[in-house]
Amino acid sequence: MSDIRRTNELAPLLVGVPQAPSHLWVRGNVPTMPGVAIVGTRRCTEYGRSIARNLGHAVASAGWPVISGLARGIDAAAHKGTLDGGGEGFAVLGCGVDVVYPADNRGLAEQLLLSGGLISEYPPGTPPAPFRFPARNRLIAGLSGVVVVVEAAVTGGALITARLALDQGKDVLAVPGDINRPTSEGCNLLIRDGAYPVLSPEDLIECLERILGPSPRSATPTPFPSGVALLDDLLEQSDRPVGAVLADLVKAELAGRLRIKDGVAGT
């Protein structure tokens, strides 16, 4: 596939990711700001599938990139909702970007490429293997400013992603579910331990704006001074949420308009 490229464009988003790769393989585009990960079990209920699709639609409509893993179930539903909302969807794979797993999501992957992209740390041709999927979850968390768990058992990839996000200092949100259903147990435990409960798409957007700042389709970018400035000074002088300012800094660095090193931002 001639559209596959190797890139280090996403390095600013992967700061703090354990054993972050020096480069990634990409088909399509890359996110230009921290996204919102929507993850969950492959063995989801119709309840979970519907909510994941609605949340993906809401996040995409607000302008944030949606990050997930292209797996069956919750991941696929979130990707479909992203497409419904006309947003940018990115799938982080546990195989080469030319392989696409599972095969029955190949059509969905091709749709994501129209505005988003496929991302992997594994070179083209790498087949899927069980050990590669937990490893890729650290990249889903790294590319995201917030992780939303829709439906998940206590064991499984979604809870791994949530724990990795917490280790990286990210916020974790969860959708509450039936206390008697195993696929809701992971989410309910996350909420018990402090995760914000997501009660509706509108509730999610309000929470994201508290954490990340105004949605990209309504936000006024942070004005950065010419020359150089300490990051601490930029955060202190801005009246916007810290998460929003940091997201703008990362976006500016990814676009090549700003360079950040050792706590100093320079134009």
Protein backbone atom coordinates (compact mmCIF):
# COMPACT_ATOMS: atom_id res chain seq x y z
CA MET A 1 0.00 0.00 0.00
CA SER A 2 1.61 3.21 -1.17
CA ASP A 3 -0.14 5.40 1.41
CA ILE A 4 1.69 3.86 4.39
CA ARG A 5 4.27 6.12 5.98
CA ARG A 6 6.61 6.04 8.95
CA THR A 7 6.45 9.16 11.10
CA ASN A 8 7.50 10.70 14.40
CA GLU A 9 4.85 13.46 14.15
CA LEU A 10 3.00 12.09 17.15
CA ALA A 11 5.95 12.16 19.54
CA PRO A 12 4.60 15.24 21.43
CA LEU A 13 1.41 13.33 22.29
CA LEU A 14 3.32 10.29 23.51
CA VAL A 15 5.40 12.05 26.16
CA GLY A 16 4.92 10.05 29.35
CA VAL A 17 3.96 6.84 27.55
CA PRO A 18 6.00 3.88 28.86
CA GLN A 19 8.53 2.73 26.26
CA ALA A 20 7.08 5.15 23.72
CA PRO A 21 8.10 4.17 20.18
CA SER A 22 10.44 6.53 18.34
CA HIS A 23 8.13 6.42 15.32
CA LEU A 24 4.76 5.06 14.27
CA TRP A 25 3.38 3.62 11.06
CA VAL A 26 0.36 5.47 9.68
CA ARG A 27 -2.22 5.22 6.95
CA GLY A 28 -4.27 8.36 6.40
CA ASN A 29 -3.99 11.32 8.75
CA VAL A 30 -2.77 11.75 12.31
CA PRO A 31 -4.55 13.60 15.15
CA THR A 32 -3.42 17.20 15.57
CA MET A 33 -4.57 17.44 19.19
CA PRO A 34 -5.16 15.06 22.11
CA GLY A 35 -8.22 12.97 21.35
CA VAL A 36 -10.95 11.27 23.36
CA ALA A 37 -10.58 7.50 23.64
CA ILE A 38 -13.81 5.50 23.68
CA VAL A 39 -13.14 1.88 24.56
CA GLY A 40 -14.86 -1.22 25.88
CA THR A 41 -15.46 -4.91 25.56
CA ARG A 42 -15.79 -6.87 22.33
CA ARG A 43 -18.61 -8.86 23.94
CA CYS A 44 -20.85 -5.86 24.47
CA THR A 45 -24.61 -5.66 24.86
CA GLU A 46 -26.90 -3.66 22.59
CA TYR A 47 -27.06 -1.15 25.45
CA GLY A 48 -23.31 -0.65 25.32
CA ARG A 49 -23.13 -0.63 21.54
CA SER A 50 -25.82 2.05 21.28
CA ILE A 51 -24.20 4.25 23.93
CA ALA A 52 -20.75 3.94 22.36
CA ARG A 53 -22.12 5.01 19.00
CA ASN A 54 -23.97 7.97 20.52
CA LEU A 55 -20.91 9.08 22.49
CA GLY A 56 -18.69 8.78 19.42
CA HIS A 57 -21.15 10.93 17.48
CA ALA A 58 -21.26 13.57 20.23
CA VAL A 59 -17.46 13.80 20.61
CA ALA A 60 -16.93 13.95 16.84
CA SER A 61 -19.60 16.61 16.42
CA ALA A 62 -17.88 18.72 19.09
CA GLY A 63 -14.63 18.51 17.14
CA TRP A 64 -12.38 16.26 19.22
CA PRO A 65 -10.65 13.33 17.51
CA VAL A 66 -11.99 9.96 18.62
CA ILE A 67 -9.41 7.26 19.39
CA SER A 68 -10.20 3.56 19.68
CA GLY A 69 -8.88 0.15 18.66
CA LEU A 70 -11.08 -1.08 15.75
CA ALA A 71 -12.06 -4.20 17.73
CA ARG A 72 -15.52 -5.69 17.51
CA GLY A 73 -18.13 -4.37 19.92
CA ILE A 74 -17.62 -1.05 21.69
CA ASP A 75 -14.61 0.06 19.60
CA ALA A 76 -16.41 -0.49 16.30
CA ALA A 77 -19.56 1.25 17.57
CA ALA A 78 -17.53 4.28 18.69
CA HIS A 79 -15.85 4.47 15.28
CA LYS A 80 -19.24 4.28 13.53
CA GLY A 81 -20.59 7.07 15.74
CA THR A 82 -17.55 9.17 14.85
CA LEU A 83 -18.33 8.73 11.16
CA ASP A 84 -21.99 9.60 11.84
CA GLY A 85 -20.84 12.83 13.49
CA GLY A 86 -18.57 13.81 10.61
CA GLY A 87 -15.50 13.72 12.81
CA GLU A 88 -11.96 12.39 12.74
CA GLY A 89 -11.60 8.81 13.91
CA PHE A 90 -8.29 7.07 14.57
CA ALA A 91 -7.76 3.37 15.16
CA VAL A 92 -4.63 2.15 16.95
CA LEU A 93 -3.91 -1.39 15.81
CA GLY A 94 -2.19 -4.39 17.33
CA CYS A 95 -0.89 -5.39 13.90
CA GLY A 96 0.45 -3.65 10.80
CA VAL A 97 -1.69 -0.87 9.35
CA ASP A 98 -1.95 -2.88 6.14
CA VAL A 99 -3.35 -5.95 7.89
CA VAL A 100 -6.54 -4.69 9.63
CA TYR A 101 -7.92 -6.98 12.31
CA PRO A 102 -10.59 -8.21 12.60
CA ALA A 103 -11.06 -8.67 8.86
CA ASP A 104 -14.79 -7.95 9.05
CA ASN A 105 -13.95 -4.37 10.11
CA ARG A 106 -11.94 -3.71 6.94
CA GLY A 107 -14.77 -1.65 5.44
CA LEU A 108 -14.97 0.42 8.63
CA ALA A 109 -11.21 0.98 8.50
CA GLU A 110 -11.46 2.27 4.94
CA GLN A 111 -14.18 4.72 5.99
CA LEU A 112 -12.00 6.02 8.84
CA LEU A 113 -9.26 6.78 6.33
CA LEU A 114 -11.48 9.38 4.63
CA SER A 115 -10.97 11.83 7.50
CA GLY A 116 -8.89 10.02 10.13
CA GLY A 117 -6.33 7.27 10.05
CA LEU A 118 -4.89 3.94 11.13
CA ILE A 119 -1.90 3.95 13.50
CA SER A 120 0.46 1.23 14.68
CA GLU A 121 3.90 0.86 16.23
CA TYR A 122 4.30 -2.40 14.29
CA PRO A 123 5.73 -2.39 10.75
CA PRO A 124 3.58 -3.29 7.74
CA GLY A 125 2.88 -6.97 7.43
CA THR A 126 2.93 -7.64 11.19
CA PRO A 127 0.14 -10.12 11.99
CA PRO A 128 -2.15 -9.71 15.00
CA ALA A 129 -1.06 -11.55 18.15
CA PRO A 130 -2.59 -11.56 21.66
CA PHE A 131 0.42 -9.92 23.31
CA ARG A 132 0.37 -6.96 20.91
CA PHE A 133 -3.06 -5.68 21.92
CA PRO A 134 -2.34 -4.82 25.57
CA ALA A 135 0.82 -3.06 24.35
CA ARG A 136 -1.09 -0.94 21.85
CA ASN A 137 -3.46 0.20 24.61
CA ARG A 138 -0.76 2.44 26.06
CA LEU A 139 -0.77 4.30 22.73
CA ILE A 140 -4.56 4.69 22.78
CA ALA A 141 -4.20 6.28 26.21
CA GLY A 142 -1.20 8.36 25.10
CA LEU A 143 -2.95 9.86 22.09
CA SER A 144 -5.94 10.85 24.24
CA GLY A 145 -6.56 13.56 26.78
CA VAL A 146 -9.45 11.60 28.29
CA VAL A 147 -10.41 7.91 28.25
CA VAL A 148 -14.09 6.89 28.31
CA VAL A 149 -14.91 3.27 29.17
CA VAL A 150 -18.38 2.33 27.97
CA GLU A 151 -18.79 -1.32 28.90
CA ALA A 152 -16.06 -3.59 30.28
CA ALA A 153 -15.47 -6.61 32.44
CA VAL A 154 -12.92 -6.51 35.26
CA THR A 155 -10.35 -8.21 33.04
CA GLY A 156 -9.73 -7.11 29.48
CA GLY A 157 -8.21 -4.44 27.30
CA ALA A 158 -10.50 -1.57 28.28
CA LEU A 159 -9.50 -1.74 31.94
CA ILE A 160 -5.84 -1.99 30.90
CA THR A 161 -6.29 1.19 28.86
CA ALA A 162 -7.97 2.91 31.82
CA ARG A 163 -5.13 1.98 34.20
CA LEU A 164 -2.51 3.12 31.69
CA ALA A 165 -4.35 6.42 31.25
CA LEU A 166 -4.38 6.99 35.01
CA ASP A 167 -0.66 6.18 35.14
CA GLN A 168 -0.13 8.84 32.45
CA GLY A 169 -2.09 11.42 34.46
CA LYS A 170 -5.16 11.31 32.20
CA ASP A 171 -8.78 11.51 33.32
CA VAL A 172 -10.91 8.35 33.09
CA LEU A 173 -14.69 8.41 32.69
CA ALA A 174 -17.04 5.44 32.71
CA VAL A 175 -20.63 4.60 31.79
CA PRO A 176 -22.52 2.96 34.68
CA GLY A 177 -24.28 -0.33 34.02
CA ASP A 178 -26.31 -3.19 35.45
CA ILE A 179 -24.61 -4.36 38.66
CA ASN A 180 -25.54 -7.96 37.80
CA ARG A 181 -23.94 -7.94 34.36
CA PRO A 182 -20.25 -8.96 34.10
CA THR A 183 -19.63 -6.57 31.20
CA SER A 184 -20.61 -3.65 33.43
CA GLU A 185 -18.52 -4.67 36.42
CA GLY A 186 -15.35 -2.96 35.22
CA CYS A 187 -17.11 0.37 34.62
CA ASN A 188 -18.92 0.27 37.93
CA LEU A 189 -15.67 -0.42 39.78
CA LEU A 190 -13.98 2.49 37.98
CA ILE A 191 -16.80 4.78 39.12
CA ARG A 192 -16.56 3.43 42.67
CA ASP A 193 -12.85 4.28 42.63
CA GLY A 194 -13.38 7.84 41.41
CA ALA A 195 -14.03 7.81 37.67
CA TYR A 196 -16.64 10.37 36.56
CA PRO A 197 -19.91 8.62 35.61
CA VAL A 198 -21.10 9.49 32.08
CA LEU A 199 -24.89 9.74 32.08
CA SER A 200 -25.57 11.01 28.54
CA PRO A 201 -23.79 12.40 25.46
CA GLU A 202 -24.51 15.91 26.72
CA ASP A 203 -23.09 15.05 30.12
CA LEU A 204 -19.93 13.75 28.43
CA ILE A 205 -19.42 16.94 26.43
CA GLU A 206 -19.88 19.09 29.55
CA CYS A 207 -17.31 16.97 31.37
CA LEU A 208 -14.85 17.11 28.48
CA GLU A 209 -15.13 20.90 28.38
CA ARG A 210 -14.32 21.07 32.09
CA ILE A 211 -11.24 18.91 31.55
CA LEU A 212 -10.04 19.92 28.08
CA GLY A 213 -11.62 23.33 27.69
CA PRO A 214 -14.19 24.49 25.11
CA SER A 215 -14.84 22.05 22.29
CA PRO A 216 -12.60 22.58 19.24
CA ARG A 217 -15.53 23.74 17.12
CA SER A 218 -16.33 26.53 19.58
CA ALA A 219 -13.02 27.32 21.24
CA THR A 220 -10.87 30.41 20.86
CA PRO A 221 -7.24 29.25 20.59
CA THR A 222 -4.81 30.20 23.32
CA PRO A 223 -2.74 33.24 22.21
CA PHE A 224 0.94 32.38 22.43
CA PRO A 225 3.49 35.19 22.78
CA SER A 226 6.26 35.55 20.24
CA GLY A 227 9.75 34.52 21.34
CA VAL A 228 9.96 32.17 24.30
CA ALA A 229 7.96 31.69 27.48
CA LEU A 230 7.91 29.36 30.46
CA LEU A 231 5.07 26.85 30.34
CA ASP A 232 4.23 27.63 33.95
CA ASP A 233 3.79 31.31 33.03
CA LEU A 234 1.53 30.47 30.09
CA LEU A 235 -0.68 28.31 32.28
CA GLU A 236 -0.83 30.92 35.04
CA GLN A 237 -1.64 33.82 32.72
CA SER A 238 -4.42 32.04 30.83
CA ASP A 239 -7.98 32.12 32.11
CA ARG A 240 -8.74 28.87 30.27
CA PRO A 241 -8.61 25.36 31.79
CA VAL A 242 -5.12 23.90 32.08
CA GLY A 243 -6.10 20.95 29.88
CA ALA A 244 -7.25 23.30 27.11
CA VAL A 245 -4.02 25.31 27.17
CA LEU A 246 -1.91 22.14 27.12
CA ALA A 247 -3.99 20.79 24.22
CA ASP A 248 -3.34 24.01 22.26
CA LEU A 249 0.38 23.77 23.02
CA VAL A 250 0.54 20.21 21.73
CA LYS A 251 -1.48 21.14 18.65
CA ALA A 252 0.84 24.07 17.90
CA GLU A 253 3.90 21.86 18.32
CA LEU A 254 2.46 19.18 16.03
CA ALA A 255 1.78 21.87 13.43
CA GLY A 256 5.37 23.12 13.66
CA ARG A 257 4.39 26.56 15.01
CA LEU A 258 5.91 26.00 18.44
CA ARG A 259 8.73 24.04 20.03
CA ILE A 260 8.59 22.85 23.61
CA LYS A 261 11.66 21.72 25.51
CA ASP A 262 12.53 21.58 29.21
CA GLY A 263 9.47 23.57 30.26
CA VAL A 264 10.01 26.38 27.75
CA ALA A 265 7.86 27.12 24.70
CA GLY A 266 9.46 28.96 21.79
CA THR A 267 8.18 30.16 18.43
